[in-house]
Amino acid sequence: MPSNPQLKLMTELLHLEGVVVTNYQIITDIGIVLHLENMSRESQCIHCGSKTEKVHQNNELTIRDLPFGEQALYLRINRRQMRC
């Protein structure tokens, strides 16, 4: 498991507001996978715009980002769908 200083450095390099790197994997022939977590407990409903903490469902989403050096970089984040 990666150490806290490594995860902190990766979070700072990524520079996404409200998101931290919780883990990473270097997978041969695939690239680097960063596991991200949203720091906010609440989200805004896409239908009515109200803020809520009630989670309807979770979907893990993997996004291919720009390369990190010569390695492909993937961001894996839990996408929450809220219920208002």
PDB file of N, CA and C in Angstrom:
ATOM      1  N   MET A   1       0.850  -1.186   0.000  1.00  0.00           N
ATOM      2  CA  MET A   1       0.000   0.000   0.000  1.00  0.00           C
ATOM      3  C   MET A   1       0.887   1.238   0.000  1.00  0.00           C
ATOM      4  N   PRO A   2       0.551   2.236  -0.821  1.00  0.00           N
ATOM      5  CA  PRO A   2       1.359   3.448  -0.892  1.00  0.00           C
ATOM      6  C   PRO A   2       1.345   4.220   0.425  1.00  0.00           C
ATOM      7  N   SER A   3       2.424   4.942   0.682  1.00  0.00           N
ATOM      8  CA  SER A   3       2.518   5.722   1.915  1.00  0.00           C
ATOM      9  C   SER A   3       1.770   7.047   1.766  1.00  0.00           C
ATOM     10  N   ASN A   4       1.454   7.661   2.907  1.00  0.00           N
ATOM     11  CA  ASN A   4       0.753   8.942   2.897  1.00  0.00           C
ATOM     12  C   ASN A   4       1.496  10.034   2.134  1.00  0.00           C
ATOM     13  N   PRO A   5       2.833  10.179   2.294  1.00  0.00           N
ATOM     14  CA  PRO A   5       3.530  11.217   1.515  1.00  0.00           C
ATOM     15  C   PRO A   5       3.399  11.008   0.003  1.00  0.00           C
ATOM     16  N   GLN A   6       3.413   9.757  -0.450  1.00  0.00           N
ATOM     17  CA  GLN A   6       3.247   9.483  -1.883  1.00  0.00           C
ATOM     18  C   GLN A   6       1.853   9.893  -2.355  1.00  0.00           C
ATOM     19  N   LEU A   7       0.824   9.546  -1.582  1.00  0.00           N
ATOM     20  CA  LEU A   7      -0.549   9.883  -1.955  1.00  0.00           C
ATOM     21  C   LEU A   7      -0.765  11.392  -1.924  1.00  0.00           C
ATOM     22  N   LYS A   8      -0.177  12.054  -0.932  1.00  0.00           N
ATOM     23  CA  LYS A   8      -0.289  13.514  -0.829  1.00  0.00           C
ATOM     24  C   LYS A   8       0.358  14.174  -2.044  1.00  0.00           C
ATOM     25  N   LEU A   9       1.525  13.689  -2.442  1.00  0.00           N
ATOM     26  CA  LEU A   9       2.212  14.238  -3.611  1.00  0.00           C
ATOM     27  C   LEU A   9       1.375  14.051  -4.875  1.00  0.00           C
ATOM     28  N   MET A  10       0.803  12.869  -5.054  1.00  0.00           N
ATOM     29  CA  MET A  10      -0.019  12.610  -6.240  1.00  0.00           C
ATOM     30  C   MET A  10      -1.266  13.487  -6.248  1.00  0.00           C
ATOM     31  N   THR A  11      -1.862  13.708  -5.073  1.00  0.00           N
ATOM     32  CA  THR A  11      -3.024  14.592  -4.971  1.00  0.00           C
ATOM     33  C   THR A  11      -2.645  16.006  -5.391  1.00  0.00           C
ATOM     34  N   GLU A  12      -1.481  16.478  -4.924  1.00  0.00           N
ATOM     35  CA  GLU A  12      -1.026  17.824  -5.277  1.00  0.00           C
ATOM     36  C   GLU A  12      -0.704  17.932  -6.765  1.00  0.00           C
ATOM     37  N   LEU A  13      -0.097  16.899  -7.344  1.00  0.00           N
ATOM     38  CA  LEU A  13       0.223  16.922  -8.774  1.00  0.00           C
ATOM     39  C   LEU A  13      -1.043  16.936  -9.629  1.00  0.00           C
ATOM     40  N   LEU A  14      -2.055  16.198  -9.201  1.00  0.00           N
ATOM     41  CA  LEU A  14      -3.313  16.126  -9.942  1.00  0.00           C
ATOM     42  C   LEU A  14      -4.052  17.460  -9.898  1.00  0.00           C
ATOM     43  N   HIS A  15      -3.998  18.130  -8.756  1.00  0.00           N
ATOM     44  CA  HIS A  15      -4.542  19.478  -8.559  1.00  0.00           C
ATOM     45  C   HIS A  15      -6.021  19.586  -8.945  1.00  0.00           C
ATOM     46  N   LEU A  16      -6.841  18.656  -8.445  1.00  0.00           N
ATOM     47  CA  LEU A  16      -8.285  18.715  -8.634  1.00  0.00           C
ATOM     48  C   LEU A  16      -8.917  19.117  -7.307  1.00  0.00           C
ATOM     49  N   GLU A  17      -9.687  20.178  -7.315  1.00  0.00           N
ATOM     50  CA  GLU A  17     -10.284  20.693  -6.092  1.00  0.00           C
ATOM     51  C   GLU A  17     -11.295  19.700  -5.511  1.00  0.00           C
ATOM     52  N   GLY A  18     -11.187  19.425  -4.212  1.00  0.00           N
ATOM     53  CA  GLY A  18     -12.137  18.564  -3.523  1.00  0.00           C
ATOM     54  C   GLY A  18     -11.938  17.078  -3.737  1.00  0.00           C
ATOM     55  N   VAL A  19     -10.809  16.684  -4.343  1.00  0.00           N
ATOM     56  CA  VAL A  19     -10.544  15.279  -4.647  1.00  0.00           C
ATOM     57  C   VAL A  19      -9.171  14.899  -4.105  1.00  0.00           C
ATOM     58  N   VAL A  20      -9.062  13.705  -3.501  1.00  0.00           N
ATOM     59  CA  VAL A  20      -7.770  13.207  -3.031  1.00  0.00           C
ATOM     60  C   VAL A  20      -7.496  11.832  -3.636  1.00  0.00           C
ATOM     61  N   VAL A  21      -6.213  11.528  -3.785  1.00  0.00           N
ATOM     62  CA  VAL A  21      -5.791  10.207  -4.246  1.00  0.00           C
ATOM     63  C   VAL A  21      -5.734   9.299  -3.024  1.00  0.00           C
ATOM     64  N   THR A  22      -6.472   8.189  -3.047  1.00  0.00           N
ATOM     65  CA  THR A  22      -6.502   7.263  -1.914  1.00  0.00           C
ATOM     66  C   THR A  22      -5.628   6.037  -2.133  1.00  0.00           C
ATOM     67  N   ASN A  23      -5.316   5.748  -3.397  1.00  0.00           N
ATOM     68  CA  ASN A  23      -4.495   4.588  -3.722  1.00  0.00           C
ATOM     69  C   ASN A  23      -4.044   4.721  -5.172  1.00  0.00           C
ATOM     70  N   TYR A  24      -3.037   3.959  -5.536  1.00  0.00           N
ATOM     71  CA  TYR A  24      -2.644   3.905  -6.940  1.00  0.00           C
ATOM     72  C   TYR A  24      -2.069   2.545  -7.257  1.00  0.00           C
ATOM     73  N   GLN A  25      -2.117   2.197  -8.539  1.00  0.00           N
ATOM     74  CA  GLN A  25      -1.567   0.936  -9.028  1.00  0.00           C
ATOM     75  C   GLN A  25      -0.760   1.235 -10.281  1.00  0.00           C
ATOM     76  N   ILE A  26       0.366   0.565 -10.424  1.00  0.00           N
ATOM     77  CA  ILE A  26       1.126   0.606 -11.666  1.00  0.00           C
ATOM     78  C   ILE A  26       0.978  -0.771 -12.285  1.00  0.00           C
ATOM     79  N   ILE A  27       0.253  -0.844 -13.389  1.00  0.00           N
ATOM     80  CA  ILE A  27      -0.075  -2.116 -14.018  1.00  0.00           C
ATOM     81  C   ILE A  27       0.719  -2.235 -15.315  1.00  0.00           C
ATOM     82  N   THR A  28       1.545  -3.263 -15.398  1.00  0.00           N
ATOM     83  CA  THR A  28       2.374  -3.496 -16.579  1.00  0.00           C
ATOM     84  C   THR A  28       1.509  -3.581 -17.829  1.00  0.00           C
ATOM     85  N   ASP A  29       1.944  -2.951 -18.890  1.00  0.00           N
ATOM     86  CA  ASP A  29       1.273  -2.929 -20.196  1.00  0.00           C
ATOM     87  C   ASP A  29      -0.060  -2.179 -20.197  1.00  0.00           C
ATOM     88  N   ILE A  30      -0.448  -1.579 -19.086  1.00  0.00           N
ATOM     89  CA  ILE A  30      -1.679  -0.780 -19.039  1.00  0.00           C
ATOM     90  C   ILE A  30      -1.349   0.661 -18.670  1.00  0.00           C
ATOM     91  N   GLY A  31      -0.703   0.863 -17.526  1.00  0.00           N
ATOM     92  CA  GLY A  31      -0.335   2.206 -17.092  1.00  0.00           C
ATOM     93  C   GLY A  31      -0.569   2.400 -15.609  1.00  0.00           C
ATOM     94  N   ILE A  32      -0.777   3.646 -15.238  1.00  0.00           N
ATOM     95  CA  ILE A  32      -0.977   4.025 -13.841  1.00  0.00           C
ATOM     96  C   ILE A  32      -2.462   4.259 -13.615  1.00  0.00           C
ATOM     97  N   VAL A  33      -2.992   3.686 -12.535  1.00  0.00           N
ATOM     98  CA  VAL A  33      -4.391   3.884 -12.161  1.00  0.00           C
ATOM     99  C   VAL A  33      -4.406   4.589 -10.813  1.00  0.00           C
ATOM    100  N   LEU A  34      -4.990   5.796 -10.781  1.00  0.00           N
ATOM    101  CA  LEU A  34      -5.135   6.539  -9.534  1.00  0.00           C
ATOM    102  C   LEU A  34      -6.563   6.380  -9.035  1.00  0.00           C
ATOM    103  N   HIS A  35      -6.717   5.963  -7.786  1.00  0.00           N
ATOM    104  CA  HIS A  35      -8.032   5.829  -7.165  1.00  0.00           C
ATOM    105  C   HIS A  35      -8.317   7.134  -6.427  1.00  0.00           C
ATOM    106  N   LEU A  36      -9.414   7.784  -6.789  1.00  0.00           N
ATOM    107  CA  LEU A  36      -9.744   9.096  -6.247  1.00  0.00           C
ATOM    108  C   LEU A  36     -10.975   9.026  -5.363  1.00  0.00           C
ATOM    109  N   GLU A  37     -11.047   9.986  -4.436  1.00  0.00           N
ATOM    110  CA  GLU A  37     -12.210  10.078  -3.557  1.00  0.00           C
ATOM    111  C   GLU A  37     -12.626  11.535  -3.444  1.00  0.00           C
ATOM    112  N   ASN A  38     -13.924  11.774  -3.569  1.00  0.00           N
ATOM    113  CA  ASN A  38     -14.484  13.111  -3.401  1.00  0.00           C
ATOM    114  C   ASN A  38     -14.533  13.423  -1.911  1.00  0.00           C
ATOM    115  N   MET A  39     -14.024  14.570  -1.507  1.00  0.00           N
ATOM    116  CA  MET A  39     -13.974  14.926  -0.090  1.00  0.00           C
ATOM    117  C   MET A  39     -15.313  15.428   0.439  1.00  0.00           C
ATOM    118  N   SER A  40     -16.203  15.860  -0.420  1.00  0.00           N
ATOM    119  CA  SER A  40     -17.492  16.395  -0.001  1.00  0.00           C
ATOM    120  C   SER A  40     -18.481  15.261   0.265  1.00  0.00           C
ATOM    121  N   ARG A  41     -19.221  15.371   1.358  1.00  0.00           N
ATOM    122  CA  ARG A  41     -20.232  14.363   1.685  1.00  0.00           C
ATOM    123  C   ARG A  41     -21.532  14.624   0.926  1.00  0.00           C
ATOM    124  N   GLU A  42     -21.764  15.869   0.514  1.00  0.00           N
ATOM    125  CA  GLU A  42     -23.013  16.177  -0.175  1.00  0.00           C
ATOM    126  C   GLU A  42     -22.755  16.511  -1.636  1.00  0.00           C
ATOM    127  N   SER A  43     -23.793  16.331  -2.431  1.00  0.00           N
ATOM    128  CA  SER A  43     -23.737  16.665  -3.850  1.00  0.00           C
ATOM    129  C   SER A  43     -25.034  17.345  -4.239  1.00  0.00           C
ATOM    130  N   GLN A  44     -25.011  17.925  -5.416  1.00  0.00           N
ATOM    131  CA  GLN A  44     -26.176  18.629  -5.912  1.00  0.00           C
ATOM    132  C   GLN A  44     -26.978  17.711  -6.828  1.00  0.00           C
ATOM    133  N   CYS A  45     -28.284  17.691  -6.624  1.00  0.00           N
ATOM    134  CA  CYS A  45     -29.187  16.906  -7.470  1.00  0.00           C
ATOM    135  C   CYS A  45     -29.195  17.500  -8.875  1.00  0.00           C
ATOM    136  N   ILE A  46     -29.038  16.651  -9.890  1.00  0.00           N
ATOM    137  CA  ILE A  46     -29.013  17.149 -11.270  1.00  0.00           C
ATOM    138  C   ILE A  46     -30.408  17.549 -11.765  1.00  0.00           C
ATOM    139  N   HIS A  47     -31.457  17.116 -11.063  1.00  0.00           N
ATOM    140  CA  HIS A  47     -32.820  17.415 -11.502  1.00  0.00           C
ATOM    141  C   HIS A  47     -33.354  18.712 -10.898  1.00  0.00           C
ATOM    142  N   CYS A  48     -33.249  18.875  -9.571  1.00  0.00           N
ATOM    143  CA  CYS A  48     -33.840  20.051  -8.916  1.00  0.00           C
ATOM    144  C   CYS A  48     -32.796  21.050  -8.421  1.00  0.00           C
ATOM    145  N   GLY A  49     -31.525  20.651  -8.342  1.00  0.00           N
ATOM    146  CA  GLY A  49     -30.466  21.563  -7.908  1.00  0.00           C
ATOM    147  C   GLY A  49     -30.253  21.632  -6.410  1.00  0.00           C
ATOM    148  N   SER A  50     -31.065  20.917  -5.618  1.00  0.00           N
ATOM    149  CA  SER A  50     -30.894  20.961  -4.163  1.00  0.00           C
ATOM    150  C   SER A  50     -29.697  20.110  -3.743  1.00  0.00           C
ATOM    151  N   LYS A  51     -29.077  20.496  -2.618  1.00  0.00           N
ATOM    152  CA  LYS A  51     -27.941  19.741  -2.101  1.00  0.00           C
ATOM    153  C   LYS A  51     -28.440  18.685  -1.127  1.00  0.00           C
ATOM    154  N   THR A  52     -27.848  17.493  -1.206  1.00  0.00           N
ATOM    155  CA  THR A  52     -28.272  16.390  -0.357  1.00  0.00           C
ATOM    156  C   THR A  52     -27.103  15.458  -0.065  1.00  0.00           C
ATOM    157  N   GLU A  53     -27.233  14.684   1.017  1.00  0.00           N
ATOM    158  CA  GLU A  53     -26.257  13.648   1.364  1.00  0.00           C
ATOM    159  C   GLU A  53     -26.820  12.257   1.122  1.00  0.00           C
ATOM    160  N   LYS A  54     -28.063  12.173   0.648  1.00  0.00           N
ATOM    161  CA  LYS A  54     -28.725  10.885   0.437  1.00  0.00           C
ATOM    162  C   LYS A  54     -28.257  10.264  -0.877  1.00  0.00           C
ATOM    163  N   VAL A  55     -27.538   9.157  -0.775  1.00  0.00           N
ATOM    164  CA  VAL A  55     -27.007   8.485  -1.959  1.00  0.00           C
ATOM    165  C   VAL A  55     -28.027   7.473  -2.471  1.00  0.00           C
ATOM    166  N   HIS A  56     -28.346   7.562  -3.757  1.00  0.00           N
ATOM    167  CA  HIS A  56     -29.255   6.608  -4.393  1.00  0.00           C
ATOM    168  C   HIS A  56     -28.474   5.382  -4.864  1.00  0.00           C
ATOM    169  N   GLN A  57     -27.355   5.607  -5.547  1.00  0.00           N
ATOM    170  CA  GLN A  57     -26.507   4.506  -5.995  1.00  0.00           C
ATOM    171  C   GLN A  57     -25.108   5.025  -6.290  1.00  0.00           C
ATOM    172  N   ASN A  58     -24.160   4.086  -6.345  1.00  0.00           N
ATOM    173  CA  ASN A  58     -22.765   4.383  -6.652  1.00  0.00           C
ATOM    174  C   ASN A  58     -22.355   3.635  -7.910  1.00  0.00           C
ATOM    175  N   ASN A  59     -21.587   4.312  -8.746  1.00  0.00           N
ATOM    176  CA  ASN A  59     -21.022   3.686  -9.939  1.00  0.00           C
ATOM    177  C   ASN A  59     -19.550   4.036  -9.998  1.00  0.00           C
ATOM    178  N   GLU A  60     -18.696   3.019 -10.113  1.00  0.00           N
ATOM    179  CA  GLU A  60     -17.273   3.294 -10.257  1.00  0.00           C
ATOM    180  C   GLU A  60     -16.995   3.632 -11.716  1.00  0.00           C
ATOM    181  N   LEU A  61     -16.312   4.736 -11.923  1.00  0.00           N
ATOM    182  CA  LEU A  61     -16.049   5.251 -13.257  1.00  0.00           C
ATOM    183  C   LEU A  61     -14.545   5.324 -13.468  1.00  0.00           C
ATOM    184  N   THR A  62     -14.060   4.831 -14.605  1.00  0.00           N
ATOM    185  CA  THR A  62     -12.643   4.907 -14.946  1.00  0.00           C
ATOM    186  C   THR A  62     -12.501   5.800 -16.169  1.00  0.00           C
ATOM    187  N   ILE A  63     -11.662   6.825 -16.030  1.00  0.00           N
ATOM    188  CA  ILE A  63     -11.463   7.818 -17.081  1.00  0.00           C
ATOM    189  C   ILE A  63     -10.005   7.806 -17.492  1.00  0.00           C
ATOM    190  N   ARG A  64      -9.750   7.781 -18.788  1.00  0.00           N
ATOM    191  CA  ARG A  64      -8.367   7.876 -19.264  1.00  0.00           C
ATOM    192  C   ARG A  64      -7.992   9.350 -19.330  1.00  0.00           C
ATOM    193  N   ASP A  65      -6.903   9.705 -18.660  1.00  0.00           N
ATOM    194  CA  ASP A  65      -6.421  11.077 -18.599  1.00  0.00           C
ATOM    195  C   ASP A  65      -5.235  11.228 -19.542  1.00  0.00           C
ATOM    196  N   LEU A  66      -4.646  12.394 -19.561  1.00  0.00           N
ATOM    197  CA  LEU A  66      -3.437  12.610 -20.346  1.00  0.00           C
ATOM    198  C   LEU A  66      -2.321  11.740 -19.793  1.00  0.00           C
ATOM    199  N   PRO A  67      -1.379  11.333 -20.617  1.00  0.00           N
ATOM    200  CA  PRO A  67      -0.285  10.468 -20.146  1.00  0.00           C
ATOM    201  C   PRO A  67       0.559  11.147 -19.065  1.00  0.00           C
ATOM    202  N   PHE A  68       1.119  10.331 -18.195  1.00  0.00           N
ATOM    203  CA  PHE A  68       2.048  10.787 -17.162  1.00  0.00           C
ATOM    204  C   PHE A  68       3.426  10.318 -17.611  1.00  0.00           C
ATOM    205  N   GLY A  69       4.148  11.198 -18.271  1.00  0.00           N
ATOM    206  CA  GLY A  69       5.396  10.776 -18.905  1.00  0.00           C
ATOM    207  C   GLY A  69       5.047   9.875 -20.078  1.00  0.00           C
ATOM    208  N   GLU A  70       5.604   8.683 -20.079  1.00  0.00           N
ATOM    209  CA  GLU A  70       5.292   7.719 -21.142  1.00  0.00           C
ATOM    210  C   GLU A  70       4.235   6.704 -20.713  1.00  0.00           C
ATOM    211  N   GLN A  71       3.710   6.842 -19.497  1.00  0.00           N
ATOM    212  CA  GLN A  71       2.708   5.909 -18.975  1.00  0.00           C
ATOM    213  C   GLN A  71       1.298   6.440 -19.234  1.00  0.00           C
ATOM    214  N   ALA A  72       0.397   5.558 -19.643  1.00  0.00           N
ATOM    215  CA  ALA A  72      -1.017   5.921 -19.724  1.00  0.00           C
ATOM    216  C   ALA A  72      -1.510   6.158 -18.299  1.00  0.00           C
ATOM    217  N   LEU A  73      -2.402   7.120 -18.118  1.00  0.00           N
ATOM    218  CA  LEU A  73      -2.904   7.458 -16.786  1.00  0.00           C
ATOM    219  C   LEU A  73      -4.419   7.324 -16.773  1.00  0.00           C
ATOM    220  N   TYR A  74      -4.916   6.568 -15.799  1.00  0.00           N
ATOM    221  CA  TYR A  74      -6.348   6.368 -15.627  1.00  0.00           C
ATOM    222  C   TYR A  74      -6.759   6.874 -14.255  1.00  0.00           C
ATOM    223  N   LEU A  75      -7.906   7.542 -14.195  1.00  0.00           N
ATOM    224  CA  LEU A  75      -8.475   8.028 -12.942  1.00  0.00           C
ATOM    225  C   LEU A  75      -9.708   7.191 -12.640  1.00  0.00           C
ATOM    226  N   ARG A  76      -9.744   6.606 -11.459  1.00  0.00           N
ATOM    227  CA  ARG A  76     -10.888   5.780 -11.058  1.00  0.00           C
ATOM    228  C   ARG A  76     -11.568   6.470  -9.876  1.00  0.00           C
ATOM    229  N   ILE A  77     -12.849   6.812 -10.060  1.00  0.00           N
ATOM    230  CA  ILE A  77     -13.581   7.535  -9.022  1.00  0.00           C
ATOM    231  C   ILE A  77     -14.984   6.958  -8.882  1.00  0.00           C
ATOM    232  N   ASN A  78     -15.489   7.019  -7.667  1.00  0.00           N
ATOM    233  CA  ASN A  78     -16.839   6.574  -7.374  1.00  0.00           C
ATOM    234  C   ASN A  78     -17.793   7.718  -7.720  1.00  0.00           C
ATOM    235  N   ARG A  79     -18.643   7.495  -8.702  1.00  0.00           N
ATOM    236  CA  ARG A  79     -19.623   8.509  -9.099  1.00  0.00           C
ATOM    237  C   ARG A  79     -20.924   8.235  -8.357  1.00  0.00           C
ATOM    238  N   ARG A  80     -21.298   9.161  -7.499  1.00  0.00           N
ATOM    239  CA  ARG A  80     -22.509   8.990  -6.695  1.00  0.00           C
ATOM    240  C   ARG A  80     -23.710   9.608  -7.398  1.00  0.00           C
ATOM    241  N   GLN A  81     -24.810   8.888  -7.372  1.00  0.00           N
ATOM    242  CA  GLN A  81     -26.072   9.441  -7.850  1.00  0.00           C
ATOM    243  C   GLN A  81     -26.912   9.711  -6.611  1.00  0.00           C
ATOM    244  N   MET A  82     -27.344  10.946  -6.467  1.00  0.00           N
ATOM    245  CA  MET A  82     -28.027  11.356  -5.249  1.00  0.00           C
ATOM    246  C   MET A  82     -29.548  11.271  -5.413  1.00  0.00           C
ATOM    247  N   ARG A  83     -30.214  11.212  -4.265  1.00  0.00           N
ATOM    248  CA  ARG A  83     -31.682  11.202  -4.232  1.00  0.00           C
ATOM    249  C   ARG A  83     -32.121  12.389  -3.383  1.00  0.00           C
ATOM    250  N   CYS A  84     -33.005  13.194  -3.936  1.00  0.00           N
ATOM    251  CA  CYS A  84     -33.487  14.353  -3.161  1.00  0.00           C
ATOM    252  C   CYS A  84     -34.948  14.172  -2.772  1.00  0.00           C
TER     253      CYS A  84
END
